[in-house]
């Protein structure tokens, strides 16, 4: 049951992609109305940054089952972020193009997480 070491999480494509996504979300949330910076923006940034943090934390625990658990947490955070993006779009804080781009990027991370979880689960058997 070989595990990715803590020092190597930065080499993982899913971590890199989620890190890029967090930076994009920080930039986008800056444009939200000031009243939303403590509400919707805060929730969005917490869930988005939680994706990369859970991937990194999972790599550092040293136990495959715990690593998988952290990957599931990252997956949950990615879906939560998608929900906040949906709300921001409906409230007209982001336009159609931004919404489509973000949805695509989050879905890409979600697919990558599903693939990684599937691969890790195979290692358990």
N, C-alpha and C. Protein backbone atom coordinates (compact mmCIF):
# COMPACT_ATOMS: atom_id res chain seq x y z
N UNK A 1 0.82 -1.18 0.00
CA UNK A 1 0.00 0.00 0.00
C UNK A 1 0.87 1.25 0.00
N UNK A 2 1.46 1.52 -1.13
CA UNK A 2 2.32 2.70 -1.24
C UNK A 2 1.47 3.96 -1.25
N UNK A 3 1.91 4.93 -0.55
CA UNK A 3 1.20 6.19 -0.43
C UNK A 3 2.09 7.30 -0.98
N UNK A 4 1.47 8.33 -1.56
CA UNK A 4 2.22 9.48 -2.03
C UNK A 4 2.72 10.23 -0.80
N UNK A 5 3.98 10.56 -0.77
CA UNK A 5 4.50 11.25 0.40
C UNK A 5 4.07 12.71 0.40
N UNK A 6 4.11 13.29 1.59
CA UNK A 6 3.68 14.68 1.77
C UNK A 6 4.41 15.62 0.82
N UNK A 7 5.67 15.41 0.64
CA UNK A 7 6.46 16.32 -0.19
C UNK A 7 6.09 16.24 -1.67
N UNK A 8 5.35 15.22 -2.07
CA UNK A 8 5.02 15.04 -3.48
C UNK A 8 3.61 15.47 -3.86
N UNK A 9 2.81 15.96 -2.91
CA UNK A 9 1.44 16.31 -3.26
C UNK A 9 1.40 17.43 -4.31
N UNK A 10 2.41 18.28 -4.32
CA UNK A 10 2.45 19.37 -5.28
C UNK A 10 2.63 18.88 -6.72
N UNK A 11 3.09 17.66 -6.87
CA UNK A 11 3.28 17.08 -8.20
C UNK A 11 2.00 16.48 -8.76
N UNK A 12 0.99 16.35 -7.92
CA UNK A 12 -0.27 15.75 -8.36
C UNK A 12 -1.05 16.75 -9.21
N UNK A 13 -1.49 16.31 -10.39
CA UNK A 13 -2.23 17.20 -11.29
C UNK A 13 -3.51 17.72 -10.65
N UNK A 14 -4.19 16.89 -9.88
CA UNK A 14 -5.43 17.32 -9.26
C UNK A 14 -5.17 18.40 -8.20
N UNK A 15 -4.06 18.31 -7.49
CA UNK A 15 -3.72 19.35 -6.52
C UNK A 15 -3.36 20.64 -7.25
N UNK A 16 -2.57 20.52 -8.33
CA UNK A 16 -2.19 21.70 -9.10
C UNK A 16 -3.42 22.41 -9.67
N UNK A 17 -4.33 21.62 -10.22
CA UNK A 17 -5.55 22.19 -10.80
C UNK A 17 -6.41 22.84 -9.73
N UNK A 18 -6.55 22.21 -8.57
CA UNK A 18 -7.36 22.79 -7.50
C UNK A 18 -6.70 24.03 -6.91
N UNK A 19 -5.39 24.07 -6.90
CA UNK A 19 -4.66 25.24 -6.45
C UNK A 19 -4.90 26.43 -7.38
N UNK A 20 -4.82 26.17 -8.68
CA UNK A 20 -5.10 27.20 -9.68
C UNK A 20 -6.53 27.71 -9.54
N UNK A 21 -7.44 26.79 -9.29
CA UNK A 21 -8.85 27.14 -9.14
C UNK A 21 -9.07 28.02 -7.91
N UNK A 22 -8.36 27.73 -6.83
CA UNK A 22 -8.48 28.55 -5.63
C UNK A 22 -8.03 29.98 -5.91
N UNK A 23 -6.95 30.13 -6.64
CA UNK A 23 -6.45 31.47 -6.98
C UNK A 23 -7.46 32.21 -7.85
N UNK A 24 -8.02 31.52 -8.82
CA UNK A 24 -9.04 32.12 -9.68
C UNK A 24 -10.23 32.58 -8.84
N UNK A 25 -10.64 31.76 -7.89
CA UNK A 25 -11.80 32.11 -7.06
C UNK A 25 -11.50 33.31 -6.17
N UNK A 26 -10.29 33.40 -5.65
CA UNK A 26 -9.92 34.57 -4.85
C UNK A 26 -10.05 35.84 -5.69
N UNK A 27 -9.60 35.77 -6.94
CA UNK A 27 -9.68 36.94 -7.82
C UNK A 27 -11.14 37.29 -8.14
N UNK A 28 -11.95 36.29 -8.40
CA UNK A 28 -13.36 36.53 -8.73
C UNK A 28 -14.13 37.07 -7.53
N UNK A 29 -13.89 36.49 -6.37
CA UNK A 29 -14.62 36.92 -5.17
C UNK A 29 -14.30 38.35 -4.78
N UNK A 30 -13.16 38.86 -5.22
CA UNK A 30 -12.82 40.26 -4.95
C UNK A 30 -13.82 41.21 -5.61
N UNK A 31 -14.45 40.75 -6.69
CA UNK A 31 -15.40 41.62 -7.41
C UNK A 31 -16.82 41.55 -6.84
N UNK A 32 -17.05 40.67 -5.87
CA UNK A 32 -18.38 40.58 -5.26
C UNK A 32 -18.69 41.87 -4.50
N UNK A 33 -19.96 42.21 -4.37
CA UNK A 33 -20.33 43.38 -3.56
C UNK A 33 -19.76 43.24 -2.15
N UNK A 34 -19.44 44.36 -1.53
CA UNK A 34 -18.78 44.32 -0.21
C UNK A 34 -19.58 43.55 0.83
N UNK A 35 -20.89 43.61 0.78
CA UNK A 35 -21.70 42.88 1.76
C UNK A 35 -21.53 41.36 1.61
N UNK A 36 -21.21 40.92 0.41
CA UNK A 36 -21.06 39.48 0.16
C UNK A 36 -19.65 38.97 0.48
N UNK A 37 -18.72 39.83 0.74
CA UNK A 37 -17.35 39.39 1.03
C UNK A 37 -17.27 38.65 2.35
N UNK A 38 -18.20 38.89 3.25
CA UNK A 38 -18.24 38.16 4.53
C UNK A 38 -19.26 37.03 4.50
N UNK A 39 -19.95 36.87 3.40
CA UNK A 39 -20.97 35.83 3.32
C UNK A 39 -20.63 34.86 2.19
N UNK A 40 -21.14 35.14 1.02
CA UNK A 40 -20.96 34.22 -0.11
C UNK A 40 -19.49 34.03 -0.49
N UNK A 41 -18.75 35.12 -0.55
CA UNK A 41 -17.33 35.00 -0.93
C UNK A 41 -16.58 34.16 0.09
N UNK A 42 -16.83 34.39 1.36
CA UNK A 42 -16.15 33.64 2.41
C UNK A 42 -16.43 32.14 2.30
N UNK A 43 -17.68 31.79 2.13
CA UNK A 43 -18.06 30.38 2.00
C UNK A 43 -17.42 29.75 0.76
N UNK A 44 -17.45 30.50 -0.33
CA UNK A 44 -16.88 29.99 -1.59
C UNK A 44 -15.38 29.75 -1.46
N UNK A 45 -14.70 30.71 -0.85
CA UNK A 45 -13.25 30.59 -0.71
C UNK A 45 -12.87 29.47 0.26
N UNK A 46 -13.64 29.30 1.30
CA UNK A 46 -13.37 28.20 2.25
C UNK A 46 -13.50 26.84 1.57
N UNK A 47 -14.59 26.66 0.84
CA UNK A 47 -14.81 25.36 0.20
C UNK A 47 -13.80 25.11 -0.92
N UNK A 48 -13.47 26.15 -1.68
CA UNK A 48 -12.52 25.98 -2.78
C UNK A 48 -11.11 25.68 -2.27
N UNK A 49 -10.66 26.42 -1.28
CA UNK A 49 -9.31 26.16 -0.75
C UNK A 49 -9.25 24.84 0.01
N UNK A 50 -10.39 24.37 0.49
CA UNK A 50 -10.45 23.09 1.19
C UNK A 50 -10.15 21.91 0.25
N UNK A 51 -10.41 22.08 -1.02
CA UNK A 51 -10.14 21.01 -1.99
C UNK A 51 -8.65 20.68 -1.98
N UNK A 52 -7.82 21.69 -2.23
CA UNK A 52 -6.38 21.46 -2.29
C UNK A 52 -5.82 21.08 -0.93
N UNK A 53 -6.38 21.67 0.13
CA UNK A 53 -5.90 21.36 1.48
C UNK A 53 -6.17 19.90 1.85
N UNK A 54 -7.33 19.38 1.50
CA UNK A 54 -7.64 17.98 1.80
C UNK A 54 -6.79 17.01 0.99
N UNK A 55 -6.50 17.37 -0.25
CA UNK A 55 -5.62 16.52 -1.06
C UNK A 55 -4.25 16.45 -0.40
N UNK A 56 -3.72 17.61 -0.01
CA UNK A 56 -2.40 17.66 0.63
C UNK A 56 -2.41 16.92 1.96
N UNK A 57 -3.44 17.14 2.75
CA UNK A 57 -3.52 16.47 4.06
C UNK A 57 -3.60 14.97 3.90
N UNK A 58 -4.35 14.51 2.93
CA UNK A 58 -4.46 13.07 2.67
C UNK A 58 -3.12 12.45 2.32
N UNK A 59 -2.32 13.18 1.59
CA UNK A 59 -0.99 12.68 1.22
C UNK A 59 -0.07 12.57 2.42
N UNK A 60 -0.34 13.30 3.46
CA UNK A 60 0.55 13.33 4.60
C UNK A 60 0.17 12.41 5.75
N UNK A 61 -0.98 11.74 5.67
CA UNK A 61 -1.43 10.95 6.82
C UNK A 61 -0.74 9.59 6.93
N UNK A 62 -0.27 9.06 5.82
CA UNK A 62 0.47 7.80 5.87
C UNK A 62 -0.38 6.54 5.87
N UNK A 63 -1.69 6.67 5.83
CA UNK A 63 -2.59 5.51 5.80
C UNK A 63 -3.53 5.67 4.62
N UNK A 64 -3.59 4.63 3.81
CA UNK A 64 -4.37 4.69 2.58
C UNK A 64 -5.84 4.99 2.84
N UNK A 65 -6.45 4.36 3.86
CA UNK A 65 -7.86 4.61 4.15
C UNK A 65 -8.11 6.06 4.53
N UNK A 66 -7.20 6.65 5.30
CA UNK A 66 -7.34 8.05 5.67
C UNK A 66 -7.12 8.96 4.46
N UNK A 67 -6.19 8.58 3.62
CA UNK A 67 -5.95 9.37 2.40
C UNK A 67 -7.22 9.39 1.55
N UNK A 68 -7.85 8.25 1.39
CA UNK A 68 -9.09 8.17 0.62
C UNK A 68 -10.18 9.02 1.27
N UNK A 69 -10.25 8.98 2.58
CA UNK A 69 -11.22 9.79 3.30
C UNK A 69 -11.02 11.27 3.01
N UNK A 70 -9.77 11.71 3.00
CA UNK A 70 -9.48 13.12 2.69
C UNK A 70 -9.82 13.45 1.23
N UNK A 71 -9.63 12.50 0.34
CA UNK A 71 -10.00 12.72 -1.06
C UNK A 71 -11.51 12.87 -1.19
N UNK A 72 -12.26 12.08 -0.42
CA UNK A 72 -13.72 12.24 -0.41
C UNK A 72 -14.10 13.61 0.15
N UNK A 73 -13.39 14.07 1.16
CA UNK A 73 -13.65 15.42 1.70
C UNK A 73 -13.38 16.48 0.63
N UNK A 74 -12.31 16.31 -0.13
CA UNK A 74 -11.99 17.23 -1.22
C UNK A 74 -13.11 17.23 -2.26
N UNK A 75 -13.62 16.04 -2.55
CA UNK A 75 -14.72 15.90 -3.50
C UNK A 75 -15.97 16.64 -2.99
N UNK A 76 -16.26 16.48 -1.72
CA UNK A 76 -17.40 17.19 -1.14
C UNK A 76 -17.21 18.69 -1.22
N UNK A 77 -16.01 19.16 -0.96
CA UNK A 77 -15.73 20.60 -1.04
C UNK A 77 -15.86 21.11 -2.47
N UNK A 78 -15.45 20.31 -3.44
CA UNK A 78 -15.58 20.71 -4.85
C UNK A 78 -17.06 20.86 -5.22
N UNK A 79 -17.87 19.93 -4.77
CA UNK A 79 -19.30 20.02 -5.04
C UNK A 79 -19.94 21.20 -4.31
N UNK A 80 -19.50 21.45 -3.09
CA UNK A 80 -19.99 22.61 -2.35
C UNK A 80 -19.63 23.89 -3.10
N UNK A 81 -18.41 23.97 -3.60
CA UNK A 81 -17.98 25.15 -4.34
C UNK A 81 -18.84 25.36 -5.58
N UNK A 82 -19.16 24.29 -6.27
CA UNK A 82 -20.03 24.38 -7.44
C UNK A 82 -21.39 24.97 -7.06
N UNK A 83 -21.88 24.60 -5.90
CA UNK A 83 -23.15 25.11 -5.41
C UNK A 83 -23.07 26.63 -5.17
N UNK A 84 -21.96 27.08 -4.57
CA UNK A 84 -21.79 28.51 -4.32
C UNK A 84 -21.64 29.28 -5.63
N UNK A 85 -21.00 28.68 -6.62
CA UNK A 85 -20.85 29.30 -7.93
C UNK A 85 -22.22 29.46 -8.59
N UNK A 86 -23.03 28.44 -8.42
CA UNK A 86 -24.41 28.50 -8.96
C UNK A 86 -25.17 29.68 -8.35
N UNK A 87 -25.05 29.83 -7.04
CA UNK A 87 -25.72 30.93 -6.35
C UNK A 87 -25.19 32.29 -6.82
N UNK A 88 -23.88 32.40 -6.94
CA UNK A 88 -23.28 33.66 -7.41
C UNK A 88 -23.78 34.02 -8.80
N UNK A 89 -23.93 33.01 -9.64
CA UNK A 89 -24.44 33.25 -10.99
C UNK A 89 -25.90 33.70 -10.94
N UNK A 90 -26.70 33.04 -10.15
CA UNK A 90 -28.12 33.40 -10.05
C UNK A 90 -28.31 34.79 -9.44
N UNK A 91 -27.39 35.20 -8.58
CA UNK A 91 -27.44 36.54 -7.99
C UNK A 91 -26.79 37.59 -8.90
N UNK A 92 -26.29 37.14 -10.06
CA UNK A 92 -25.66 38.00 -11.06
C UNK A 92 -24.34 38.62 -10.59
N UNK A 93 -23.63 37.91 -9.72
CA UNK A 93 -22.30 38.36 -9.29
C UNK A 93 -21.23 37.92 -10.28
N UNK A 94 -21.56 36.89 -11.07
CA UNK A 94 -20.67 36.45 -12.15
C UNK A 94 -21.51 36.31 -13.42
N UNK A 95 -20.87 36.52 -14.56
CA UNK A 95 -21.61 36.43 -15.83
C UNK A 95 -21.61 35.00 -16.37
N UNK A 96 -22.30 34.81 -17.46
CA UNK A 96 -22.45 33.49 -18.08
C UNK A 96 -21.11 32.86 -18.45
N UNK A 97 -20.22 33.65 -19.04
CA UNK A 97 -18.91 33.12 -19.45
C UNK A 97 -18.09 32.64 -18.25
N UNK A 98 -18.06 33.45 -17.21
CA UNK A 98 -17.33 33.08 -15.99
C UNK A 98 -17.95 31.85 -15.36
N UNK A 99 -19.27 31.84 -15.29
CA UNK A 99 -19.99 30.69 -14.73
C UNK A 99 -19.65 29.41 -15.50
N UNK A 100 -19.68 29.48 -16.82
CA UNK A 100 -19.38 28.29 -17.65
C UNK A 100 -17.95 27.83 -17.46
N UNK A 101 -17.02 28.78 -17.43
CA UNK A 101 -15.61 28.44 -17.25
C UNK A 101 -15.38 27.79 -15.88
N UNK A 102 -15.95 28.38 -14.84
CA UNK A 102 -15.78 27.83 -13.49
C UNK A 102 -16.41 26.45 -13.36
N UNK A 103 -17.59 26.31 -13.91
CA UNK A 103 -18.27 25.01 -13.87
C UNK A 103 -17.41 23.95 -14.54
N UNK A 104 -16.85 24.28 -15.69
CA UNK A 104 -15.98 23.35 -16.40
C UNK A 104 -14.77 22.97 -15.54
N UNK A 105 -14.12 23.97 -14.95
CA UNK A 105 -12.92 23.72 -14.14
C UNK A 105 -13.23 22.88 -12.90
N UNK A 106 -14.31 23.20 -12.21
CA UNK A 106 -14.68 22.41 -11.04
C UNK A 106 -15.05 20.98 -11.43
N UNK A 107 -15.78 20.82 -12.53
CA UNK A 107 -16.14 19.47 -12.97
C UNK A 107 -14.90 18.67 -13.37
N UNK A 108 -13.91 19.35 -13.92
CA UNK A 108 -12.65 18.69 -14.27
C UNK A 108 -11.96 18.17 -13.00
N UNK A 109 -11.90 18.99 -11.95
CA UNK A 109 -11.31 18.57 -10.68
C UNK A 109 -12.11 17.42 -10.08
N UNK A 110 -13.43 17.50 -10.16
CA UNK A 110 -14.29 16.44 -9.63
C UNK A 110 -14.02 15.11 -10.34
N UNK A 111 -13.89 15.15 -11.65
CA UNK A 111 -13.58 13.93 -12.42
C UNK A 111 -12.22 13.37 -12.02
N UNK A 112 -11.25 14.26 -11.83
CA UNK A 112 -9.91 13.81 -11.44
C UNK A 112 -9.95 13.17 -10.05
N UNK A 113 -10.71 13.76 -9.14
CA UNK A 113 -10.84 13.20 -7.80
C UNK A 113 -11.52 11.84 -7.84
N UNK A 114 -12.57 11.71 -8.64
CA UNK A 114 -13.24 10.41 -8.77
C UNK A 114 -12.26 9.34 -9.26
N UNK A 115 -11.45 9.71 -10.26
CA UNK A 115 -10.47 8.76 -10.79
C UNK A 115 -9.43 8.38 -9.76
N UNK A 116 -8.95 9.35 -9.01
CA UNK A 116 -7.94 9.07 -7.98
C UNK A 116 -8.53 8.21 -6.86
N UNK A 117 -9.74 8.52 -6.45
CA UNK A 117 -10.40 7.72 -5.40
C UNK A 117 -10.59 6.29 -5.87
N UNK A 118 -11.01 6.13 -7.10
CA UNK A 118 -11.20 4.78 -7.66
C UNK A 118 -9.89 4.00 -7.66
N UNK A 119 -8.81 4.68 -8.08
CA UNK A 119 -7.49 4.05 -8.11
C UNK A 119 -7.03 3.66 -6.70
N UNK A 120 -7.22 4.56 -5.74
CA UNK A 120 -6.82 4.29 -4.35
C UNK A 120 -7.64 3.16 -3.75
N UNK A 121 -8.93 3.13 -4.06
CA UNK A 121 -9.78 2.05 -3.54
C UNK A 121 -9.35 0.68 -4.09
N UNK A 122 -8.87 0.65 -5.32
CA UNK A 122 -8.36 -0.60 -5.89
C UNK A 122 -7.14 -1.10 -5.13
N UNK A 123 -6.34 -0.15 -4.61
CA UNK A 123 -5.15 -0.52 -3.85
C UNK A 123 -5.52 -1.20 -2.52
N UNK A 124 -6.72 -0.92 -2.04
CA UNK A 124 -7.15 -1.52 -0.77
C UNK A 124 -7.46 -3.01 -0.91
N UNK A 125 -7.82 -3.42 -2.12
CA UNK A 125 -8.21 -4.83 -2.31
C UNK A 125 -7.06 -5.69 -2.73
